[in-house]
Amino acid sequence: MSKLFVVGIPRDMESAELEDIFADYGTVSNTTVVTDMETGISKGYGFVTMDDRNAAEAAIAALDGGQIDERTISVRFAQQNVVQQPVQISRPAGMKFNNQPYTPAGKDTRKGKRPRISR
């Protein structure tokens, strides 16, 4: 199974139409056109799952950069389970404000005591 990411599809395109286009290159097991949750209008991209990787590669070679209703589409393999690493943000050591040690968001960080939040 190979999942493809398709960008640039017309806003009025439905999943069945997308499936018809990719079916010329192999067996399509699933298609999804991503829509706005409130309006139901297509966001202009979707996903196509093909049964065979060779068929998916053939579809990419044939359709990437092509046009549907005067819109240029981009077709590539979808990234699976992309997990972004958390970013560590630290403040500079010894930072002062008005000659007082800096504590973020008004928190008092005295050792051995619970931080108090100023309101």
C-alpha atoms as a PDB file:
ATOM      1  CA  MET A   1       0.000   0.000   0.000  1.00  0.00           C
ATOM      2  CA  SER A   2       1.286   3.436  -0.929  1.00  0.00           C
ATOM      3  CA  LYS A   3      -0.353   6.650   0.197  1.00  0.00           C
ATOM      4  CA  LEU A   4      -0.029   9.671  -2.072  1.00  0.00           C
ATOM      5  CA  PHE A   5      -0.515  13.343  -1.206  1.00  0.00           C
ATOM      6  CA  VAL A   6      -2.185  15.347  -3.978  1.00  0.00           C
ATOM      7  CA  VAL A   7      -2.140  19.168  -3.904  1.00  0.00           C
ATOM      8  CA  GLY A   8      -3.831  21.622  -6.266  1.00  0.00           C
ATOM      9  CA  ILE A   9      -7.023  19.734  -7.037  1.00  0.00           C
ATOM     10  CA  PRO A  10     -10.068  21.822  -8.012  1.00  0.00           C
ATOM     11  CA  ARG A  11     -12.285  22.935  -5.129  1.00  0.00           C
ATOM     12  CA  ASP A  12     -15.320  21.191  -6.625  1.00  0.00           C
ATOM     13  CA  MET A  13     -13.609  17.815  -7.127  1.00  0.00           C
ATOM     14  CA  GLU A  14     -14.989  14.823  -5.234  1.00  0.00           C
ATOM     15  CA  SER A  15     -13.240  11.646  -4.092  1.00  0.00           C
ATOM     16  CA  ALA A  16     -14.804   9.554  -6.882  1.00  0.00           C
ATOM     17  CA  GLU A  17     -13.356  11.849  -9.554  1.00  0.00           C
ATOM     18  CA  LEU A  18      -9.924  11.709  -7.932  1.00  0.00           C
ATOM     19  CA  GLU A  19     -10.150   7.912  -7.846  1.00  0.00           C
ATOM     20  CA  ASP A  20     -11.007   7.797 -11.576  1.00  0.00           C
ATOM     21  CA  ILE A  21      -7.879   9.792 -12.434  1.00  0.00           C
ATOM     22  CA  PHE A  22      -5.534   7.546 -10.420  1.00  0.00           C
ATOM     23  CA  ALA A  23      -7.249   4.274 -11.427  1.00  0.00           C
ATOM     24  CA  ASP A  24      -5.570   4.557 -14.851  1.00  0.00           C
ATOM     25  CA  TYR A  25      -2.257   3.690 -13.141  1.00  0.00           C
ATOM     26  CA  GLY A  26      -3.310   0.867 -10.814  1.00  0.00           C
ATOM     27  CA  THR A  27      -5.765  -0.276  -8.164  1.00  0.00           C
ATOM     28  CA  VAL A  28      -6.925   2.518  -5.862  1.00  0.00           C
ATOM     29  CA  SER A  29      -8.041   1.332  -2.429  1.00  0.00           C
ATOM     30  CA  ASN A  30      -9.014   4.699  -0.925  1.00  0.00           C
ATOM     31  CA  THR A  31      -9.339   8.380  -1.817  1.00  0.00           C
ATOM     32  CA  THR A  32      -9.967  11.345   0.449  1.00  0.00           C
ATOM     33  CA  VAL A  33     -10.544  14.951  -0.554  1.00  0.00           C
ATOM     34  CA  VAL A  34      -9.930  17.131   2.510  1.00  0.00           C
ATOM     35  CA  THR A  35     -12.770  19.586   3.140  1.00  0.00           C
ATOM     36  CA  ASP A  36     -13.413  22.500   5.471  1.00  0.00           C
ATOM     37  CA  MET A  37     -15.356  21.251   8.501  1.00  0.00           C
ATOM     38  CA  GLU A  38     -17.751  24.208   8.508  1.00  0.00           C
ATOM     39  CA  THR A  39     -18.412  24.807   4.809  1.00  0.00           C
ATOM     40  CA  GLY A  40     -17.758  21.351   3.364  1.00  0.00           C
ATOM     41  CA  ILE A  41     -15.778  22.962   0.524  1.00  0.00           C
ATOM     42  CA  SER A  42     -12.589  21.235  -0.615  1.00  0.00           C
ATOM     43  CA  LYS A  43      -9.334  22.670   0.696  1.00  0.00           C
ATOM     44  CA  GLY A  44      -7.643  21.803  -2.608  1.00  0.00           C
ATOM     45  CA  TYR A  45      -5.733  18.724  -1.505  1.00  0.00           C
ATOM     46  CA  GLY A  46      -6.335  15.080  -0.754  1.00  0.00           C
ATOM     47  CA  PHE A  47      -4.900  11.600  -0.375  1.00  0.00           C
ATOM     48  CA  VAL A  48      -4.944   8.563  -2.646  1.00  0.00           C
ATOM     49  CA  THR A  49      -3.988   5.093  -1.407  1.00  0.00           C
ATOM     50  CA  MET A  50      -2.840   2.683  -4.101  1.00  0.00           C
ATOM     51  CA  ASP A  51      -2.357  -1.052  -3.620  1.00  0.00           C
ATOM     52  CA  ASP A  52       0.992  -1.266  -5.422  1.00  0.00           C
ATOM     53  CA  ARG A  53       4.083   0.928  -4.994  1.00  0.00           C
ATOM     54  CA  ASN A  54       4.989   0.587  -8.679  1.00  0.00           C
ATOM     55  CA  ALA A  55       1.535   1.862  -9.631  1.00  0.00           C
ATOM     56  CA  ALA A  56       1.953   4.768  -7.207  1.00  0.00           C
ATOM     57  CA  GLU A  57       5.327   5.647  -8.739  1.00  0.00           C
ATOM     58  CA  ALA A  58       3.775   5.501 -12.226  1.00  0.00           C
ATOM     59  CA  ALA A  59       0.970   7.834 -11.098  1.00  0.00           C
ATOM     60  CA  ILE A  60       3.495  10.288  -9.633  1.00  0.00           C
ATOM     61  CA  ALA A  61       5.570  10.242 -12.830  1.00  0.00           C
ATOM     62  CA  ALA A  62       2.512  10.810 -15.023  1.00  0.00           C
ATOM     63  CA  LEU A  63       0.475  13.258 -12.932  1.00  0.00           C
ATOM     64  CA  ASP A  64       2.939  15.383 -10.922  1.00  0.00           C
ATOM     65  CA  GLY A  65       3.010  18.834 -12.534  1.00  0.00           C
ATOM     66  CA  GLY A  66      -0.023  18.025 -14.689  1.00  0.00           C
ATOM     67  CA  GLN A  67      -3.230  20.030 -14.838  1.00  0.00           C
ATOM     68  CA  ILE A  68      -6.824  19.393 -13.818  1.00  0.00           C
ATOM     69  CA  ASP A  69      -9.258  22.136 -14.872  1.00  0.00           C
ATOM     70  CA  GLU A  70      -6.368  24.569 -15.447  1.00  0.00           C
ATOM     71  CA  ARG A  71      -4.949  23.918 -11.950  1.00  0.00           C
ATOM     72  CA  THR A  72      -1.447  22.478 -11.668  1.00  0.00           C
ATOM     73  CA  ILE A  73      -1.330  19.512  -9.321  1.00  0.00           C
ATOM     74  CA  SER A  74       1.537  18.135  -7.272  1.00  0.00           C
ATOM     75  CA  VAL A  75       1.621  14.418  -6.460  1.00  0.00           C
ATOM     76  CA  ARG A  76       4.093  12.833  -4.028  1.00  0.00           C
ATOM     77  CA  PHE A  77       4.303  10.104  -1.430  1.00  0.00           C
ATOM     78  CA  ALA A  78       2.600  11.122   1.816  1.00  0.00           C
ATOM     79  CA  GLN A  79       4.811  11.264   4.885  1.00  0.00           C
ATOM     80  CA  GLN A  80       3.781   8.586   7.346  1.00  0.00           C
ATOM     81  CA  ASN A  81       3.558   9.330  11.072  1.00  0.00           C
ATOM     82  CA  VAL A  82       5.578  12.532  11.072  1.00  0.00           C
ATOM     83  CA  VAL A  83       6.325  13.469  14.667  1.00  0.00           C
ATOM     84  CA  GLN A  84       7.871  16.830  15.371  1.00  0.00           C
ATOM     85  CA  GLN A  85      10.412  16.953  18.156  1.00  0.00           C
ATOM     86  CA  PRO A  86       9.602  19.398  20.960  1.00  0.00           C
ATOM     87  CA  VAL A  87      11.722  22.520  20.910  1.00  0.00           C
ATOM     88  CA  GLN A  88      13.641  23.335  24.074  1.00  0.00           C
ATOM     89  CA  ILE A  89      13.533  27.031  24.882  1.00  0.00           C
ATOM     90  CA  SER A  90      15.773  28.332  27.597  1.00  0.00           C
ATOM     91  CA  ARG A  91      16.310  31.822  28.861  1.00  0.00           C
ATOM     92  CA  PRO A  92      19.774  33.297  29.170  1.00  0.00           C
ATOM     93  CA  ALA A  93      21.409  32.741  32.560  1.00  0.00           C
ATOM     94  CA  GLY A  94      21.662  35.794  34.773  1.00  0.00           C
ATOM     95  CA  MET A  95      19.073  37.806  32.877  1.00  0.00           C
ATOM     96  CA  LYS A  96      17.877  40.856  34.820  1.00  0.00           C
ATOM     97  CA  PHE A  97      15.100  43.394  34.461  1.00  0.00           C
ATOM     98  CA  ASN A  98      15.367  46.688  36.387  1.00  0.00           C
ATOM     99  CA  ASN A  99      18.366  45.219  38.241  1.00  0.00           C
ATOM    100  CA  GLN A 100      16.163  42.411  39.626  1.00  0.00           C
ATOM    101  CA  PRO A 101      16.489  38.719  38.685  1.00  0.00           C
ATOM    102  CA  TYR A 102      14.087  37.934  35.863  1.00  0.00           C
ATOM    103  CA  THR A 103      11.304  35.429  36.545  1.00  0.00           C
ATOM    104  CA  PRO A 104       8.932  34.680  33.652  1.00  0.00           C
ATOM    105  CA  ALA A 105       5.219  35.521  33.886  1.00  0.00           C
ATOM    106  CA  GLY A 106       5.577  37.038  37.337  1.00  0.00           C
ATOM    107  CA  LYS A 107       6.344  33.704  39.010  1.00  0.00           C
ATOM    108  CA  ASP A 108       8.270  33.777  42.253  1.00  0.00           C
ATOM    109  CA  THR A 109      10.674  30.841  42.058  1.00  0.00           C
ATOM    110  CA  ARG A 110      12.108  30.789  45.564  1.00  0.00           C
ATOM    111  CA  LYS A 111      13.865  27.547  46.432  1.00  0.00           C
ATOM    112  CA  GLY A 112      11.883  25.172  48.609  1.00  0.00           C
ATOM    113  CA  LYS A 113       8.622  27.054  48.115  1.00  0.00           C
ATOM    114  CA  ARG A 114       5.805  26.625  45.655  1.00  0.00           C
ATOM    115  CA  PRO A 115       5.877  29.217  42.868  1.00  0.00           C
ATOM    116  CA  ARG A 116       3.302  31.951  43.340  1.00  0.00           C
ATOM    117  CA  ILE A 117       1.529  33.428  40.361  1.00  0.00           C
ATOM    118  CA  SER A 118       0.854  37.164  40.520  1.00  0.00           C
ATOM    119  CA  ARG A 119      -2.644  38.191  39.564  1.00  0.00           C
END
